Amino acid sequence: MEINFLAIAVAAVSALVVGFVWYNPKVFGGAWMQAAEMSEDKMKGANMAKIFILAFIFAILLAMSLLPMTIHQMGAFSLAEGELGMLPSFEPFMNDYKDAFRTYKHGAFHGVIAGVFIALPILGTNALFERKGAKYIFINSGYWIVTLGIMGAIICGWR
């Protein structure tokens, strides 16, 4: 089972591109700043190079975590690994199902599901303890639902 590192890199870059659009003041940026209690002064005092480098690294980790969620053949691969190598049943299985569900649509579906069932509860829980409101939760979770959908589409569909 080959891992497409170019697809992972493009998916990671897509997270930054979606963030650039999503958090633009003309989209949700102004509402987010208010909900996050963020000021222009706080924004100016940030080390943006560090933020974007770390954001890209985190996005790579997310893209890699989407591989087994969106590409079901990876699950078959992990099941077929025996102590002495691949089990003989793996090759016929892959011949039958090698490209099954390897579409952008399928990847987007699983990415959105990951956003709703993983990102939303994590961000929502953090926001509750940080005493942030629903607007904060939905702006940030919405970003991750859209982003993970796009990342999932890229990871699953790009071959």
N, C-alpha and C. Protein backbone atom coordinates (compact mmCIF):
# COMPACT_ATOMS: atom_id res chain seq x y z
N MET A 1 0.86 -1.17 0.00
CA MET A 1 0.00 0.00 0.00
C MET A 1 0.90 1.23 0.00
N GLU A 2 0.82 2.00 -1.04
CA GLU A 2 1.65 3.19 -1.15
C GLU A 2 0.96 4.39 -0.52
N ILE A 3 1.75 5.24 0.10
CA ILE A 3 1.24 6.50 0.64
C ILE A 3 1.63 7.60 -0.33
N ASN A 4 0.67 8.39 -0.72
CA ASN A 4 0.90 9.49 -1.66
C ASN A 4 1.29 10.74 -0.86
N PHE A 5 2.58 10.97 -0.74
CA PHE A 5 3.07 12.09 0.06
C PHE A 5 2.73 13.45 -0.56
N LEU A 6 2.60 13.49 -1.88
CA LEU A 6 2.20 14.74 -2.53
C LEU A 6 0.76 15.09 -2.13
N ALA A 7 -0.11 14.09 -2.10
CA ALA A 7 -1.50 14.33 -1.69
C ALA A 7 -1.54 14.81 -0.23
N ILE A 8 -0.70 14.25 0.61
CA ILE A 8 -0.65 14.68 2.01
C ILE A 8 -0.21 16.13 2.10
N ALA A 9 0.83 16.50 1.35
CA ALA A 9 1.32 17.88 1.36
C ALA A 9 0.27 18.85 0.83
N VAL A 10 -0.41 18.48 -0.26
CA VAL A 10 -1.44 19.36 -0.82
C VAL A 10 -2.61 19.48 0.15
N ALA A 11 -2.98 18.38 0.79
CA ALA A 11 -4.06 18.43 1.78
C ALA A 11 -3.67 19.35 2.93
N ALA A 12 -2.41 19.28 3.36
CA ALA A 12 -1.94 20.15 4.45
C ALA A 12 -1.97 21.62 4.02
N VAL A 13 -1.56 21.89 2.81
CA VAL A 13 -1.61 23.27 2.31
C VAL A 13 -3.07 23.75 2.21
N SER A 14 -3.97 22.84 1.86
CA SER A 14 -5.38 23.23 1.75
C SER A 14 -5.93 23.72 3.08
N ALA A 15 -5.44 23.18 4.19
CA ALA A 15 -5.87 23.65 5.51
C ALA A 15 -5.50 25.11 5.71
N LEU A 16 -4.32 25.49 5.25
CA LEU A 16 -3.88 26.88 5.38
C LEU A 16 -4.68 27.79 4.45
N VAL A 17 -4.96 27.31 3.24
CA VAL A 17 -5.73 28.11 2.28
C VAL A 17 -7.15 28.32 2.78
N VAL A 18 -7.79 27.26 3.27
CA VAL A 18 -9.15 27.39 3.79
C VAL A 18 -9.14 28.34 5.00
N GLY A 19 -8.13 28.23 5.85
CA GLY A 19 -8.02 29.13 7.00
C GLY A 19 -7.87 30.57 6.58
N PHE A 20 -7.10 30.81 5.53
CA PHE A 20 -6.91 32.17 5.03
C PHE A 20 -8.24 32.77 4.60
N VAL A 21 -9.07 31.96 3.94
CA VAL A 21 -10.37 32.43 3.49
C VAL A 21 -11.35 32.50 4.67
N TRP A 22 -11.43 31.43 5.46
CA TRP A 22 -12.42 31.32 6.54
C TRP A 22 -12.26 32.42 7.58
N TYR A 23 -11.01 32.69 7.97
CA TYR A 23 -10.76 33.67 9.02
C TYR A 23 -10.48 35.07 8.47
N ASN A 24 -10.74 35.29 7.18
CA ASN A 24 -10.64 36.62 6.60
C ASN A 24 -11.72 37.49 7.24
N PRO A 25 -11.40 38.75 7.54
CA PRO A 25 -12.40 39.63 8.16
C PRO A 25 -13.71 39.75 7.38
N LYS A 26 -13.67 39.53 6.07
CA LYS A 26 -14.88 39.62 5.27
C LYS A 26 -15.72 38.33 5.32
N VAL A 27 -15.16 37.27 5.90
CA VAL A 27 -15.91 36.02 6.02
C VAL A 27 -16.27 35.84 7.49
N PHE A 28 -15.45 35.10 8.25
CA PHE A 28 -15.73 34.89 9.68
C PHE A 28 -14.68 35.52 10.60
N GLY A 29 -13.68 36.16 10.02
CA GLY A 29 -12.57 36.70 10.82
C GLY A 29 -12.99 37.69 11.87
N GLY A 30 -13.84 38.63 11.52
CA GLY A 30 -14.29 39.64 12.48
C GLY A 30 -15.10 39.02 13.61
N ALA A 31 -16.02 38.13 13.24
CA ALA A 31 -16.84 37.45 14.26
C ALA A 31 -15.97 36.57 15.14
N TRP A 32 -14.98 35.91 14.52
CA TRP A 32 -14.08 35.06 15.31
C TRP A 32 -13.27 35.89 16.30
N MET A 33 -12.73 37.02 15.84
CA MET A 33 -11.95 37.88 16.73
C MET A 33 -12.78 38.31 17.93
N GLN A 34 -14.01 38.67 17.70
CA GLN A 34 -14.90 39.07 18.79
C GLN A 34 -15.18 37.88 19.72
N ALA A 35 -15.52 36.73 19.15
CA ALA A 35 -15.85 35.55 19.95
C ALA A 35 -14.64 35.02 20.71
N ALA A 36 -13.45 35.16 20.12
CA ALA A 36 -12.22 34.67 20.75
C ALA A 36 -11.59 35.70 21.67
N GLU A 37 -12.21 36.88 21.72
CA GLU A 37 -11.66 37.98 22.51
C GLU A 37 -10.24 38.31 22.07
N MET A 38 -10.07 38.33 20.75
CA MET A 38 -8.78 38.62 20.13
C MET A 38 -8.77 40.08 19.70
N SER A 39 -7.64 40.74 19.92
CA SER A 39 -7.51 42.14 19.53
C SER A 39 -6.47 42.28 18.42
N GLU A 40 -6.49 43.41 17.77
CA GLU A 40 -5.49 43.70 16.74
C GLU A 40 -4.09 43.70 17.34
N ASP A 41 -3.95 44.20 18.56
CA ASP A 41 -2.65 44.23 19.23
C ASP A 41 -2.11 42.82 19.46
N LYS A 42 -2.96 41.92 19.90
CA LYS A 42 -2.54 40.52 20.09
C LYS A 42 -2.12 39.91 18.76
N MET A 43 -2.86 40.25 17.72
CA MET A 43 -2.55 39.71 16.40
C MET A 43 -1.19 40.20 15.91
N LYS A 44 -0.89 41.46 16.16
CA LYS A 44 0.37 42.05 15.69
C LYS A 44 1.57 41.52 16.45
N GLY A 45 1.38 41.10 17.69
CA GLY A 45 2.50 40.64 18.51
C GLY A 45 2.88 39.19 18.28
N ALA A 46 2.28 38.53 17.29
CA ALA A 46 2.51 37.10 17.07
C ALA A 46 3.68 36.86 16.12
N ASN A 47 4.35 35.75 16.32
CA ASN A 47 5.41 35.30 15.42
C ASN A 47 4.73 34.48 14.32
N MET A 48 4.37 35.13 13.22
CA MET A 48 3.58 34.49 12.18
C MET A 48 4.33 33.35 11.48
N ALA A 49 5.63 33.47 11.34
CA ALA A 49 6.40 32.38 10.71
C ALA A 49 6.27 31.11 11.56
N LYS A 50 6.44 31.25 12.84
CA LYS A 50 6.31 30.10 13.75
C LYS A 50 4.90 29.53 13.69
N ILE A 51 3.90 30.39 13.70
CA ILE A 51 2.51 29.94 13.67
C ILE A 51 2.22 29.16 12.40
N PHE A 52 2.63 29.68 11.24
CA PHE A 52 2.33 29.00 9.98
C PHE A 52 3.14 27.71 9.81
N ILE A 53 4.37 27.69 10.27
CA ILE A 53 5.17 26.46 10.19
C ILE A 53 4.55 25.38 11.06
N LEU A 54 4.20 25.73 12.29
CA LEU A 54 3.56 24.74 13.17
C LEU A 54 2.19 24.33 12.66
N ALA A 55 1.42 25.26 12.13
CA ALA A 55 0.11 24.94 11.56
C ALA A 55 0.25 23.96 10.40
N PHE A 56 1.28 24.16 9.58
CA PHE A 56 1.52 23.24 8.46
C PHE A 56 1.91 21.86 8.97
N ILE A 57 2.76 21.80 9.97
CA ILE A 57 3.16 20.51 10.54
C ILE A 57 1.93 19.80 11.13
N PHE A 58 1.10 20.53 11.86
CA PHE A 58 -0.11 19.94 12.42
C PHE A 58 -1.05 19.45 11.31
N ALA A 59 -1.12 20.23 10.22
CA ALA A 59 -1.98 19.84 9.09
C ALA A 59 -1.45 18.56 8.42
N ILE A 60 -0.15 18.41 8.37
CA ILE A 60 0.43 17.15 7.84
C ILE A 60 0.01 15.98 8.73
N LEU A 61 0.11 16.16 10.04
CA LEU A 61 -0.32 15.10 10.95
C LEU A 61 -1.79 14.76 10.76
N LEU A 62 -2.63 15.79 10.59
CA LEU A 62 -4.05 15.55 10.34
C LEU A 62 -4.26 14.80 9.03
N ALA A 63 -3.56 15.22 7.99
CA ALA A 63 -3.70 14.56 6.69
C ALA A 63 -3.31 13.09 6.80
N MET A 64 -2.26 12.81 7.54
CA MET A 64 -1.84 11.42 7.72
C MET A 64 -2.87 10.63 8.52
N SER A 65 -3.52 11.28 9.47
CA SER A 65 -4.53 10.57 10.25
C SER A 65 -5.79 10.31 9.43
N LEU A 66 -5.99 11.08 8.37
CA LEU A 66 -7.14 10.86 7.49
C LEU A 66 -6.95 9.68 6.55
N LEU A 67 -5.71 9.25 6.36
CA LEU A 67 -5.45 8.12 5.45
C LEU A 67 -6.30 6.90 5.79
N PRO A 68 -6.21 6.36 7.01
CA PRO A 68 -7.02 5.15 7.30
C PRO A 68 -8.51 5.43 7.43
N MET A 69 -8.88 6.68 7.67
CA MET A 69 -10.31 7.00 7.76
C MET A 69 -10.96 7.08 6.39
N THR A 70 -10.22 7.51 5.39
CA THR A 70 -10.80 7.73 4.08
C THR A 70 -10.47 6.61 3.08
N ILE A 71 -9.34 5.96 3.26
CA ILE A 71 -8.92 4.89 2.35
C ILE A 71 -9.07 3.57 3.08
N HIS A 72 -10.16 2.87 2.81
CA HIS A 72 -10.48 1.65 3.54
C HIS A 72 -9.47 0.53 3.27
N GLN A 73 -8.79 0.58 2.14
CA GLN A 73 -7.82 -0.44 1.83
C GLN A 73 -6.66 -0.45 2.84
N MET A 74 -6.44 0.68 3.51
CA MET A 74 -5.37 0.71 4.53
C MET A 74 -5.74 -0.19 5.70
N GLY A 75 -7.03 -0.28 6.01
CA GLY A 75 -7.47 -1.20 7.06
C GLY A 75 -7.22 -2.64 6.66
N ALA A 76 -7.48 -2.96 5.39
CA ALA A 76 -7.21 -4.31 4.90
C ALA A 76 -5.71 -4.59 4.94
N PHE A 77 -4.93 -3.58 4.61
CA PHE A 77 -3.48 -3.73 4.65
C PHE A 77 -3.01 -4.07 6.06
N SER A 78 -3.52 -3.36 7.05
CA SER A 78 -3.09 -3.61 8.43
C SER A 78 -3.57 -4.97 8.92
N LEU A 79 -4.73 -5.41 8.45
CA LEU A 79 -5.23 -6.73 8.85
C LEU A 79 -4.44 -7.87 8.21
N ALA A 80 -3.93 -7.63 7.00
CA ALA A 80 -3.25 -8.69 6.25
C ALA A 80 -1.79 -8.84 6.62
N GLU A 81 -1.25 -7.91 7.40
CA GLU A 81 0.16 -8.02 7.79
C GLU A 81 0.32 -9.16 8.80
N GLY A 82 1.03 -10.17 8.39
CA GLY A 82 1.33 -11.28 9.30
C GLY A 82 2.72 -11.12 9.86
N GLU A 83 3.09 -12.01 10.72
CA GLU A 83 4.43 -11.94 11.32
C GLU A 83 5.52 -12.17 10.29
N LEU A 84 5.23 -12.92 9.25
CA LEU A 84 6.24 -13.22 8.23
C LEU A 84 6.01 -12.45 6.94
N GLY A 85 5.17 -11.44 6.98
CA GLY A 85 4.89 -10.65 5.79
C GLY A 85 3.41 -10.64 5.50
N MET A 86 3.08 -10.27 4.28
CA MET A 86 1.67 -10.18 3.91
C MET A 86 1.06 -11.56 3.76
N LEU A 87 -0.15 -11.68 4.24
CA LEU A 87 -0.89 -12.93 4.09
C LEU A 87 -1.24 -13.14 2.62
N PRO A 88 -1.31 -14.37 2.17
CA PRO A 88 -1.60 -14.62 0.75
C PRO A 88 -2.97 -14.11 0.30
N SER A 89 -3.88 -13.91 1.21
CA SER A 89 -5.22 -13.44 0.85
C SER A 89 -5.25 -11.95 0.49
N PHE A 90 -4.18 -11.22 0.82
CA PHE A 90 -4.19 -9.78 0.59
C PHE A 90 -4.21 -9.43 -0.89
N GLU A 91 -3.37 -10.09 -1.69
CA GLU A 91 -3.28 -9.75 -3.11
C GLU A 91 -4.61 -9.98 -3.85
N PRO A 92 -5.27 -11.13 -3.69
CA PRO A 92 -6.57 -11.28 -4.35
C PRO A 92 -7.61 -10.26 -3.86
N PHE A 93 -7.58 -9.94 -2.58
CA PHE A 93 -8.50 -8.95 -2.04
C PHE A 93 -8.27 -7.60 -2.71
N MET A 94 -7.01 -7.18 -2.80
CA MET A 94 -6.69 -5.90 -3.41
C MET A 94 -7.01 -5.89 -4.90
N ASN A 95 -6.87 -7.04 -5.57
CA ASN A 95 -7.26 -7.11 -6.98
C ASN A 95 -8.75 -6.87 -7.14
N ASP A 96 -9.53 -7.34 -6.18
CA ASP A 96 -10.98 -7.15 -6.23
C ASP A 96 -11.41 -5.74 -5.82
N TYR A 97 -10.73 -5.16 -4.82
CA TYR A 97 -11.22 -3.91 -4.21
C TYR A 97 -10.24 -2.75 -4.25
N LYS A 98 -9.20 -2.82 -5.08
CA LYS A 98 -8.12 -1.84 -5.00
C LYS A 98 -8.57 -0.38 -5.12
N ASP A 99 -9.53 -0.09 -5.95
CA ASP A 99 -9.97 1.30 -6.12
C ASP A 99 -11.40 1.55 -5.60
N ALA A 100 -11.94 0.59 -4.87
CA ALA A 100 -13.29 0.76 -4.35
C ALA A 100 -13.33 1.93 -3.36
N PHE A 101 -14.26 2.81 -3.55
CA PHE A 101 -14.47 3.97 -2.69
C PHE A 101 -13.29 4.93 -2.68
N ARG A 102 -12.44 4.91 -3.70
CA ARG A 102 -11.32 5.85 -3.79
C ARG A 102 -11.75 7.03 -4.65
N THR A 103 -12.67 7.82 -4.14
CA THR A 103 -13.16 8.98 -4.86
C THR A 103 -13.02 10.22 -3.98
N TYR A 104 -13.05 11.39 -4.63
CA TYR A 104 -13.01 12.64 -3.88
C TYR A 104 -14.25 12.76 -2.99
N LYS A 105 -15.39 12.35 -3.54
CA LYS A 105 -16.65 12.43 -2.81
C LYS A 105 -16.61 11.58 -1.54
N HIS A 106 -16.10 10.36 -1.65
CA HIS A 106 -16.02 9.47 -0.50
C HIS A 106 -15.08 10.04 0.56
N GLY A 107 -13.95 10.56 0.12
CA GLY A 107 -13.00 11.16 1.06
C GLY A 107 -13.58 12.38 1.75
N ALA A 108 -14.29 13.21 0.99
CA ALA A 108 -14.92 14.40 1.58
C ALA A 108 -15.95 13.98 2.63
N PHE A 109 -16.72 12.94 2.32
CA PHE A 109 -17.72 12.45 3.27
C PHE A 109 -17.06 12.06 4.60
N HIS A 110 -16.02 11.25 4.52
CA HIS A 110 -15.35 10.81 5.75
C HIS A 110 -14.63 11.96 6.46
N GLY A 111 -14.11 12.92 5.70
CA GLY A 111 -13.50 14.10 6.32
C GLY A 111 -14.52 14.91 7.09
N VAL A 112 -15.69 15.12 6.50
CA VAL A 112 -16.75 15.86 7.19
C VAL A 112 -17.19 15.09 8.44
N ILE A 113 -17.34 13.78 8.32
CA ILE A 113 -17.71 12.96 9.49
C ILE A 113 -16.66 13.12 10.59
N ALA A 114 -15.39 13.12 10.23
CA ALA A 114 -14.32 13.33 11.23
C ALA A 114 -14.45 14.70 11.86
N GLY A 115 -14.78 15.69 11.06
CA GLY A 115 -14.96 17.04 11.60
C GLY A 115 -16.09 17.11 12.60
N VAL A 116 -17.22 16.49 12.26
CA VAL A 116 -18.40 16.55 13.14
C VAL A 116 -18.21 15.71 14.39
N PHE A 117 -17.64 14.51 14.24
CA PHE A 117 -17.57 13.58 15.37
C PHE A 117 -16.25 13.60 16.13
N ILE A 118 -15.24 14.29 15.61
CA ILE A 118 -13.96 14.40 16.32
C ILE A 118 -13.63 15.85 16.64
N ALA A 119 -13.54 16.70 15.61
CA ALA A 119 -13.14 18.09 15.84
C ALA A 119 -14.17 18.87 16.66
N LEU A 120 -15.43 18.77 16.29
CA LEU A 120 -16.47 19.52 17.01
C LEU A 120 -16.51 19.18 18.50
N PRO A 121 -16.54 17.91 18.90
CA PRO A 121 -16.55 17.63 20.34
C PRO A 121 -15.30 18.10 21.07
N ILE A 122 -14.14 17.98 20.43
CA ILE A 122 -12.90 18.42 21.08
C ILE A 122 -12.90 19.93 21.25
N LEU A 123 -13.17 20.65 20.15
CA LEU A 123 -13.18 22.11 20.23
C LEU A 123 -14.30 22.62 21.12
N GLY A 124 -15.45 21.96 21.05
CA GLY A 124 -16.57 22.36 21.89
C GLY A 124 -16.27 22.20 23.37
N THR A 125 -15.65 21.09 23.73
CA THR A 125 -15.29 20.85 25.13
C THR A 125 -14.28 21.89 25.61
N ASN A 126 -13.25 22.13 24.81
CA ASN A 126 -12.26 23.15 25.18
C ASN A 126 -12.93 24.51 25.35
N ALA A 127 -13.79 24.86 24.42
CA ALA A 127 -14.45 26.17 24.46
C ALA A 127 -15.33 26.31 25.70
N LEU A 128 -16.00 25.24 26.09
CA LEU A 128 -16.82 25.31 27.30
C LEU A 128 -15.99 25.64 28.52
N PHE A 129 -14.84 24.99 28.65
CA PHE A 129 -13.98 25.25 29.80
C PHE A 129 -13.27 26.60 29.71
N GLU A 130 -13.10 27.10 28.48
CA GLU A 130 -12.51 28.42 28.28
C GLU A 130 -13.56 29.53 28.40
N ARG A 131 -14.80 29.13 28.64
CA ARG A 131 -15.94 30.06 28.79
C ARG A 131 -16.21 30.84 27.50
N LYS A 132 -16.05 30.15 26.38
CA LYS A 132 -16.35 30.74 25.08
C LYS A 132 -17.79 30.38 24.69
N GLY A 133 -18.38 31.18 23.83
CA GLY A 133 -19.77 30.99 23.44
C GLY A 133 -19.93 30.09 22.24
N ALA A 134 -21.20 29.89 21.88
CA ALA A 134 -21.55 29.03 20.74
C ALA A 134 -20.97 29.56 19.43
N LYS A 135 -20.92 30.88 19.27
CA LYS A 135 -20.37 31.46 18.04
C LYS A 135 -18.92 31.02 17.85
N TYR A 136 -18.15 31.06 18.92
CA TYR A 136 -16.75 30.63 18.88
C TYR A 136 -16.66 29.15 18.48
N ILE A 137 -17.50 28.33 19.10
CA ILE A 137 -17.48 26.89 18.81
C ILE A 137 -17.83 26.64 17.35
N PHE A 138 -18.89 27.27 16.86
CA PHE A 138 -19.34 26.98 15.50
C PHE A 138 -18.43 27.57 14.44
N ILE A 139 -17.81 28.71 14.69
CA ILE A 139 -16.86 29.26 13.72
C ILE A 139 -15.65 28.34 13.60
N ASN A 140 -15.06 27.96 14.73
CA ASN A 140 -13.87 27.10 14.69
C ASN A 140 -14.20 25.69 14.23
N SER A 141 -15.28 25.12 14.72
CA SER A 141 -15.66 23.77 14.29
C SER A 141 -16.05 23.75 12.82
N GLY A 142 -16.75 24.79 12.39
CA GLY A 142 -17.11 24.89 10.98
C GLY A 142 -15.88 24.88 10.08
N TYR A 143 -14.86 25.62 10.53
CA TYR A 143 -13.60 25.62 9.77
C TYR A 143 -13.05 24.21 9.65
N TRP A 144 -13.01 23.48 10.76
CA TRP A 144 -12.43 22.14 10.72
C TRP A 144 -13.30 21.15 9.97
N ILE A 145 -14.59 21.29 10.02
CA ILE A 145 -15.47 20.40 9.25
C ILE A 145 -15.24 20.60 7.76
N VAL A 146 -15.19 21.85 7.32
CA VAL A 146 -14.92 22.15 5.91
C VAL A 146 -13.52 21.70 5.53
N THR A 147 -12.54 22.04 6.36
CA THR A 147 -11.14 21.71 6.07
C THR A 147 -10.92 20.20 6.00
N LEU A 148 -11.44 19.47 6.97
CA LEU A 148 -11.26 18.02 6.96
C LEU A 148 -11.99 17.38 5.78
N GLY A 149 -13.12 17.96 5.38
CA GLY A 149 -13.79 17.47 4.19
C GLY A 149 -12.93 17.64 2.94
N ILE A 150 -12.32 18.80 2.81
CA ILE A 150 -11.43 19.04 1.65
C ILE A 150 -10.19 18.17 1.73
N MET A 151 -9.61 18.09 2.92
CA MET A 151 -8.43 17.24 3.09
C MET A 151 -8.74 15.78 2.80
N GLY A 152 -9.88 15.31 3.30
CA GLY A 152 -10.29 13.93 3.04
C GLY A 152 -10.48 13.66 1.56
N ALA A 153 -11.08 14.63 0.86
CA ALA A 153 -11.27 14.48 -0.59
C ALA A 153 -9.93 14.35 -1.30
N ILE A 154 -8.99 15.18 -0.93
CA ILE A 154 -7.66 15.14 -1.57
C ILE A 154 -6.96 13.82 -1.25
N ILE A 155 -6.97 13.43 0.01
CA ILE A 155 -6.28 12.20 0.43
C ILE A 155 -6.85 10.97 -0.26
N CYS A 156 -8.18 10.88 -0.31
CA CYS A 156 -8.82 9.68 -0.84
C CYS A 156 -8.86 9.65 -2.38
N GLY A 157 -9.14 10.80 -2.98
CA GLY A 157 -9.35 10.82 -4.42
C GLY A 157 -8.10 10.91 -5.27
N TRP A 158 -7.05 11.49 -4.70
CA TRP A 158 -5.80 11.71 -5.47
C TRP A 158 -5.02 10.41 -5.52
N ARG A 159 -4.80 9.92 -6.74
CA ARG A 159 -4.03 8.67 -6.89
C ARG A 159 -2.93 8.86 -7.89
